């Protein structure tokens, strides 16, 4: 069993930055691929970013590419999402997720491959 706890959300203005954190339990965090997803009111959950277990590979949704950066610290069992140049359309609940099966990096944008999810943290961007 893996527990994921997100933090770092809040209310900011357009153009501001936030850094989200996702702390994971478990001794084998360094073997998990990790992803960040978001869900806005009335919309389906969507992929934001993913990072491989070693941190050597990352991928981003087109909507956040160049503004967001995913990283991880395996010594701290934590994955981060640095969000810059925030826009009102980035408003959503952001959740992290863990893939324990070593899935191919080419499918890390798919919700269904993730085994554990955090509760999420609210990010609100005002115009």
Foldseek 3Di string as FASTA:
>chain_A
DKAKAKDWADEEAAQAKIKMKIAMDDDPLLQKKKFKWWDDPPGDIFGAKIAHSPRPDMDGDPVQPPFWDWGDDVVRRMIMIIGGRDDQVVWTWMKMFIQNPRDDPVCVRPPVRTDDMYPTDTHGYHD
